[in-house]
N, C-alpha and C. Protein backbone atom coordinates (compact mmCIF):
# COMPACT_ATOMS: atom_id res chain seq x y z
N MET A 1 93.22 94.13 93.04
CA MET A 1 94.36 93.55 92.37
C MET A 1 94.94 94.58 91.42
N PRO A 2 96.07 94.91 91.53
CA PRO A 2 96.82 95.95 90.63
C PRO A 2 96.73 95.31 89.20
N GLY A 3 96.61 96.23 88.15
CA GLY A 3 96.64 95.70 86.71
C GLY A 3 97.81 94.96 86.46
N VAL A 4 98.94 95.37 86.90
CA VAL A 4 100.26 94.65 86.54
C VAL A 4 100.16 93.21 87.04
N LEU A 5 99.52 92.98 88.13
CA LEU A 5 99.39 91.53 88.73
C LEU A 5 98.36 90.77 87.92
N MET A 6 97.39 91.50 87.37
CA MET A 6 96.42 90.85 86.48
C MET A 6 97.07 90.26 85.22
N VAL A 7 97.98 91.18 84.66
CA VAL A 7 98.69 90.82 83.51
C VAL A 7 99.80 89.71 83.82
N GLU A 8 100.36 89.68 84.92
CA GLU A 8 101.22 88.64 85.46
C GLU A 8 100.40 87.34 85.50
N ALA A 9 99.23 87.37 85.99
CA ALA A 9 98.46 86.11 86.08
C ALA A 9 98.22 85.54 84.71
N LEU A 10 97.95 86.39 83.71
CA LEU A 10 97.79 85.97 82.36
C LEU A 10 99.03 85.26 81.86
N PHE A 11 100.17 85.99 82.15
CA PHE A 11 101.48 85.47 81.67
C PHE A 11 101.80 84.15 82.35
N GLN A 12 101.53 84.02 83.61
CA GLN A 12 101.86 82.68 84.34
C GLN A 12 100.98 81.54 83.76
N ALA A 13 99.71 81.83 83.54
CA ALA A 13 98.81 80.82 82.96
C ALA A 13 99.24 80.48 81.54
N ALA A 14 99.75 81.42 80.74
CA ALA A 14 100.27 81.18 79.37
C ALA A 14 101.55 80.29 79.49
N CYS A 15 102.39 80.61 80.50
CA CYS A 15 103.63 79.82 80.61
C CYS A 15 103.29 78.22 80.83
N HIS A 16 102.28 78.13 81.84
CA HIS A 16 101.81 76.81 82.17
C HIS A 16 101.27 76.04 81.01
N LEU A 17 100.44 76.73 80.24
CA LEU A 17 99.84 76.09 79.05
C LEU A 17 100.97 75.64 78.02
N ILE A 18 101.92 76.52 77.79
CA ILE A 18 103.03 76.17 76.99
C ILE A 18 103.82 74.88 77.36
N ARG A 19 104.19 74.97 78.69
CA ARG A 19 104.89 73.81 79.29
C ARG A 19 104.08 72.58 79.17
N VAL A 20 102.86 72.55 79.51
CA VAL A 20 101.95 71.37 79.39
C VAL A 20 101.87 70.85 77.99
N SER A 21 101.65 71.74 77.06
CA SER A 21 101.39 71.34 75.75
C SER A 21 102.68 70.93 75.01
N GLU A 22 103.82 71.27 75.57
CA GLU A 22 105.19 70.89 74.93
C GLU A 22 105.88 69.83 75.83
N ASP A 23 105.09 69.08 76.70
CA ASP A 23 105.67 68.13 77.59
C ASP A 23 106.83 68.64 78.42
N PHE A 24 106.77 69.90 78.84
CA PHE A 24 107.60 70.64 79.76
C PHE A 24 109.02 70.74 79.15
N ALA A 25 109.11 70.80 77.85
CA ALA A 25 110.42 70.87 77.20
C ALA A 25 111.02 72.27 77.38
N PRO A 26 110.29 73.39 77.28
CA PRO A 26 111.01 74.71 77.53
C PRO A 26 111.18 74.87 79.01
N THR A 27 112.43 75.23 79.35
CA THR A 27 112.69 75.46 80.69
C THR A 27 112.82 76.94 80.95
N VAL A 28 112.80 77.78 79.94
CA VAL A 28 112.74 79.21 80.14
C VAL A 28 111.70 79.77 79.23
N ILE A 29 110.84 80.64 79.78
CA ILE A 29 109.78 81.34 79.00
C ILE A 29 109.81 82.75 79.39
N ASP A 30 110.06 83.62 78.43
CA ASP A 30 110.08 85.07 78.54
C ASP A 30 108.98 85.79 77.99
N LEU A 31 108.48 86.84 78.55
CA LEU A 31 107.51 87.72 77.93
C LEU A 31 108.17 88.63 76.98
N VAL A 32 107.84 88.60 75.71
CA VAL A 32 108.36 89.45 74.66
C VAL A 32 107.51 90.71 74.43
N GLU A 33 106.25 90.47 74.48
CA GLU A 33 105.24 91.63 74.22
C GLU A 33 103.94 91.30 74.79
N ALA A 34 103.29 92.32 75.27
CA ALA A 34 101.94 92.29 75.75
C ALA A 34 101.17 93.40 74.90
N ARG A 35 100.28 92.95 74.00
CA ARG A 35 99.61 93.90 73.16
C ARG A 35 98.12 94.02 73.45
N ASN A 36 97.47 95.10 73.13
CA ASN A 36 96.09 95.24 73.23
C ASN A 36 95.57 94.80 74.69
N VAL A 37 96.29 95.23 75.67
CA VAL A 37 95.93 95.03 77.09
C VAL A 37 94.71 95.90 77.38
N LYS A 38 93.68 95.34 77.81
CA LYS A 38 92.50 96.11 78.08
C LYS A 38 92.01 95.60 79.54
N PHE A 39 91.80 96.66 80.35
CA PHE A 39 91.24 96.56 81.68
C PHE A 39 89.80 96.88 81.67
N ALA A 40 88.82 96.01 82.02
CA ALA A 40 87.49 96.31 81.96
C ALA A 40 86.84 96.46 83.39
N ASP A 41 87.49 95.86 84.30
CA ASP A 41 86.92 95.86 85.71
C ASP A 41 88.08 95.70 86.71
N PHE A 42 87.78 96.12 87.92
CA PHE A 42 88.69 95.84 89.05
C PHE A 42 88.52 94.52 89.61
N VAL A 43 89.56 94.04 90.28
CA VAL A 43 89.36 92.72 91.03
C VAL A 43 89.67 93.08 92.50
N GLN A 44 88.58 92.92 93.22
CA GLN A 44 88.70 93.43 94.80
C GLN A 44 89.21 92.21 95.57
N PRO A 45 89.64 92.45 96.75
CA PRO A 45 90.06 91.43 97.68
C PRO A 45 88.92 90.52 97.81
N GLY A 46 89.14 89.14 97.91
CA GLY A 46 88.12 88.15 98.06
C GLY A 46 87.52 87.78 96.77
N GLU A 47 87.75 88.41 95.70
CA GLU A 47 87.19 88.12 94.34
C GLU A 47 88.14 87.09 93.64
N THR A 48 87.62 86.31 92.79
CA THR A 48 88.53 85.33 92.06
C THR A 48 88.63 85.78 90.61
N LEU A 49 89.79 85.79 90.12
CA LEU A 49 90.17 86.01 88.74
C LEU A 49 90.35 84.76 88.11
N GLU A 50 89.49 84.39 87.16
CA GLU A 50 89.54 83.17 86.34
C GLU A 50 90.26 83.42 85.06
N VAL A 51 91.33 82.78 84.82
CA VAL A 51 92.21 83.03 83.66
C VAL A 51 92.04 81.96 82.56
N GLN A 52 91.88 82.36 81.37
CA GLN A 52 91.88 81.45 80.22
C GLN A 52 92.92 81.96 79.14
N VAL A 53 93.67 81.07 78.68
CA VAL A 53 94.60 81.38 77.62
C VAL A 53 94.53 80.29 76.45
N GLU A 54 94.70 80.86 75.25
CA GLU A 54 94.61 80.04 74.07
C GLU A 54 95.86 80.36 73.14
N ILE A 55 96.59 79.31 72.75
CA ILE A 55 97.65 79.45 71.77
C ILE A 55 97.08 79.77 70.37
N THR A 56 97.51 80.92 69.80
CA THR A 56 96.96 81.28 68.50
C THR A 56 98.00 81.09 67.48
N LYS A 57 99.27 81.08 67.77
CA LYS A 57 100.32 80.93 66.86
C LYS A 57 101.60 80.29 67.56
N ASN A 58 102.23 79.29 67.01
CA ASN A 58 103.34 78.73 67.58
C ASN A 58 104.40 78.53 66.58
N THR A 59 105.30 79.40 66.50
CA THR A 59 106.49 79.44 65.51
C THR A 59 107.75 79.53 66.37
N PRO A 60 108.25 78.34 66.87
CA PRO A 60 109.32 78.29 67.75
C PRO A 60 110.48 79.22 67.33
N PRO A 61 111.06 80.02 68.22
CA PRO A 61 110.78 79.95 69.72
C PRO A 61 109.71 80.90 70.22
N LEU A 62 108.89 81.54 69.22
CA LEU A 62 107.90 82.44 69.68
C LEU A 62 106.54 81.76 69.69
N VAL A 63 105.76 82.15 70.77
CA VAL A 63 104.41 81.62 70.93
C VAL A 63 103.48 82.82 71.15
N THR A 64 102.37 82.92 70.33
CA THR A 64 101.49 84.04 70.57
C THR A 64 100.18 83.37 71.23
N LEU A 65 99.62 84.11 72.18
CA LEU A 65 98.43 83.62 72.84
C LEU A 65 97.42 84.77 73.03
N LYS A 66 96.16 84.33 73.09
CA LYS A 66 95.11 85.24 73.46
C LYS A 66 94.75 84.83 74.92
N ALA A 67 94.75 85.85 75.76
CA ALA A 67 94.54 85.62 77.22
C ALA A 67 93.49 86.67 77.64
N GLN A 68 92.69 85.96 78.69
CA GLN A 68 91.72 86.93 79.42
C GLN A 68 91.45 86.45 80.82
N GLY A 69 91.18 87.40 81.59
CA GLY A 69 90.81 87.11 82.96
C GLY A 69 89.44 87.59 83.31
N SER A 70 88.54 86.73 83.92
CA SER A 70 87.18 87.15 84.11
C SER A 70 86.91 86.99 85.67
N LYS A 71 85.94 87.72 86.18
CA LYS A 71 85.33 87.55 87.47
C LYS A 71 83.85 87.68 87.34
N GLY A 72 83.26 86.66 87.96
CA GLY A 72 81.82 86.53 87.88
C GLY A 72 81.29 86.41 86.56
N GLY A 73 82.07 85.84 85.53
CA GLY A 73 81.49 85.65 84.17
C GLY A 73 81.80 86.92 83.23
N ALA A 74 82.29 88.01 83.74
CA ALA A 74 82.60 89.11 82.97
C ALA A 74 84.07 89.38 82.85
N VAL A 75 84.46 89.77 81.66
CA VAL A 75 85.90 90.01 81.42
C VAL A 75 86.41 91.09 82.24
N ALA A 76 87.59 90.91 82.98
CA ALA A 76 88.10 92.01 83.77
C ALA A 76 89.44 92.52 83.03
N VAL A 77 90.12 91.66 82.34
CA VAL A 77 91.41 91.92 81.72
C VAL A 77 91.55 90.99 80.49
N SER A 78 92.06 91.59 79.41
CA SER A 78 92.37 90.71 78.27
C SER A 78 93.66 91.30 77.57
N ALA A 79 94.45 90.40 76.84
CA ALA A 79 95.63 90.86 76.24
C ALA A 79 96.07 89.79 75.19
N LYS A 80 96.88 90.22 74.20
CA LYS A 80 97.48 89.34 73.25
C LYS A 80 99.01 89.27 73.75
N LEU A 81 99.44 88.00 74.16
CA LEU A 81 100.79 87.93 74.59
C LEU A 81 101.72 87.17 73.58
N THR A 82 103.01 87.67 73.53
CA THR A 82 103.97 86.90 72.74
C THR A 82 105.14 86.48 73.67
N LEU A 83 105.37 85.23 73.60
CA LEU A 83 106.36 84.70 74.65
C LEU A 83 107.40 83.99 73.79
N ARG A 84 108.59 83.95 74.44
CA ARG A 84 109.80 83.25 73.82
C ARG A 84 110.20 82.01 74.65
N THR A 85 110.23 80.90 74.04
CA THR A 85 110.60 79.72 74.85
C THR A 85 112.08 79.35 74.52
N GLY A 86 112.73 78.73 75.57
CA GLY A 86 114.11 78.39 75.30
C GLY A 86 114.47 77.29 76.32
N GLN A 87 115.78 76.88 76.31
CA GLN A 87 116.27 75.84 77.15
C GLN A 87 117.33 76.46 78.09
N LEU A 88 117.22 76.03 79.32
CA LEU A 88 118.19 76.50 80.28
C LEU A 88 119.50 75.75 80.09
N PHE A 89 120.52 76.48 80.04
CA PHE A 89 121.95 76.03 79.88
C PHE A 89 122.05 75.20 78.54
N GLU A 90 121.34 75.63 77.56
CA GLU A 90 121.39 74.83 76.23
C GLU A 90 122.79 74.84 75.63
N GLU A 91 123.66 75.80 76.05
CA GLU A 91 125.04 75.77 75.38
C GLU A 91 126.06 75.28 76.37
N ASP A 92 125.66 74.85 77.54
CA ASP A 92 126.61 74.26 78.47
C ASP A 92 126.31 72.69 78.56
N PRO A 93 127.10 71.93 78.00
CA PRO A 93 126.85 70.44 78.04
C PRO A 93 126.97 69.78 79.38
N LYS A 94 127.53 70.51 80.41
CA LYS A 94 127.61 69.91 81.73
C LYS A 94 126.44 69.98 82.61
N LEU A 95 125.44 70.72 82.14
CA LEU A 95 124.24 71.01 82.97
C LEU A 95 122.90 70.58 82.48
N PRO A 96 122.85 69.61 81.65
CA PRO A 96 121.53 69.00 81.15
C PRO A 96 120.69 68.40 82.14
N LEU A 97 121.40 67.80 83.23
CA LEU A 97 120.70 67.15 84.34
C LEU A 97 119.91 68.21 85.06
N LEU A 98 120.34 69.37 85.24
CA LEU A 98 119.60 70.39 85.95
C LEU A 98 118.30 70.76 85.19
N ALA A 99 118.41 70.86 83.93
CA ALA A 99 117.15 71.10 83.10
C ALA A 99 116.25 69.98 83.28
N GLY A 100 116.63 68.78 83.24
CA GLY A 100 115.84 67.51 83.34
C GLY A 100 115.23 67.49 84.70
N SER A 101 115.98 67.91 85.81
CA SER A 101 115.35 67.94 87.15
C SER A 101 114.24 68.99 87.18
N ILE A 102 114.41 70.09 86.69
CA ILE A 102 113.42 71.21 86.52
C ILE A 102 112.12 70.69 85.78
N ARG A 103 112.27 69.99 84.67
CA ARG A 103 111.21 69.52 83.91
C ARG A 103 110.41 68.48 84.86
N ASN A 104 111.07 67.60 85.46
CA ASN A 104 110.45 66.67 86.40
C ASN A 104 109.73 67.25 87.49
N TYR A 105 110.30 68.29 88.04
CA TYR A 105 109.58 69.06 89.19
C TYR A 105 108.22 69.61 88.59
N TRP A 106 108.29 70.22 87.41
CA TRP A 106 107.00 70.80 86.90
C TRP A 106 106.02 69.72 86.51
N ARG A 107 106.38 68.57 86.10
CA ARG A 107 105.54 67.49 85.79
C ARG A 107 104.99 67.00 87.03
N GLU A 108 105.67 66.80 88.05
CA GLU A 108 105.10 66.34 89.32
C GLU A 108 104.17 67.37 90.01
N SER A 109 104.51 68.60 89.81
CA SER A 109 103.63 69.75 90.39
C SER A 109 102.35 69.78 89.50
N TYR A 110 102.42 69.57 88.31
CA TYR A 110 101.18 69.55 87.50
C TYR A 110 100.28 68.44 87.79
N GLN A 111 100.85 67.33 88.13
CA GLN A 111 100.07 66.02 88.48
C GLN A 111 99.42 66.28 89.81
N LYS A 112 100.03 66.99 90.67
CA LYS A 112 99.48 67.35 91.97
C LYS A 112 98.22 68.28 91.78
N LEU A 113 98.37 69.14 90.93
CA LEU A 113 97.21 70.15 90.61
C LEU A 113 96.09 69.32 90.04
N LEU A 114 96.31 68.36 89.15
CA LEU A 114 95.24 67.58 88.58
C LEU A 114 94.58 66.70 89.52
N ALA A 115 95.20 66.26 90.63
CA ALA A 115 94.72 65.33 91.61
C ALA A 115 93.77 66.06 92.53
N LYS A 116 93.80 67.35 92.64
CA LYS A 116 92.95 68.21 93.52
C LYS A 116 91.57 68.19 93.10
């Protein structure tokens, strides 16, 4: 697994944590900064990268998280991520239904994940 995809996995898990913890209110989440990225091991085909993220600071619209990916109990990648949350079409009063539809889709998808 290329390093950039390992960092992408950390970012995606961080986005999911933010959405769940804020009842899917943010419809847009952007990566602002990835600091202290450290690669300790390779992830080979067939191996599983288990990702853990923790919010360390939340001062809207910025959220800082500590993230790490492990395989077999050993850390393979770690980073400190800063993300910016926002609302899709927040300045266009004609499109709030689209943002609501996106939130409902994410809620339903999350419930399906929990059911597994």
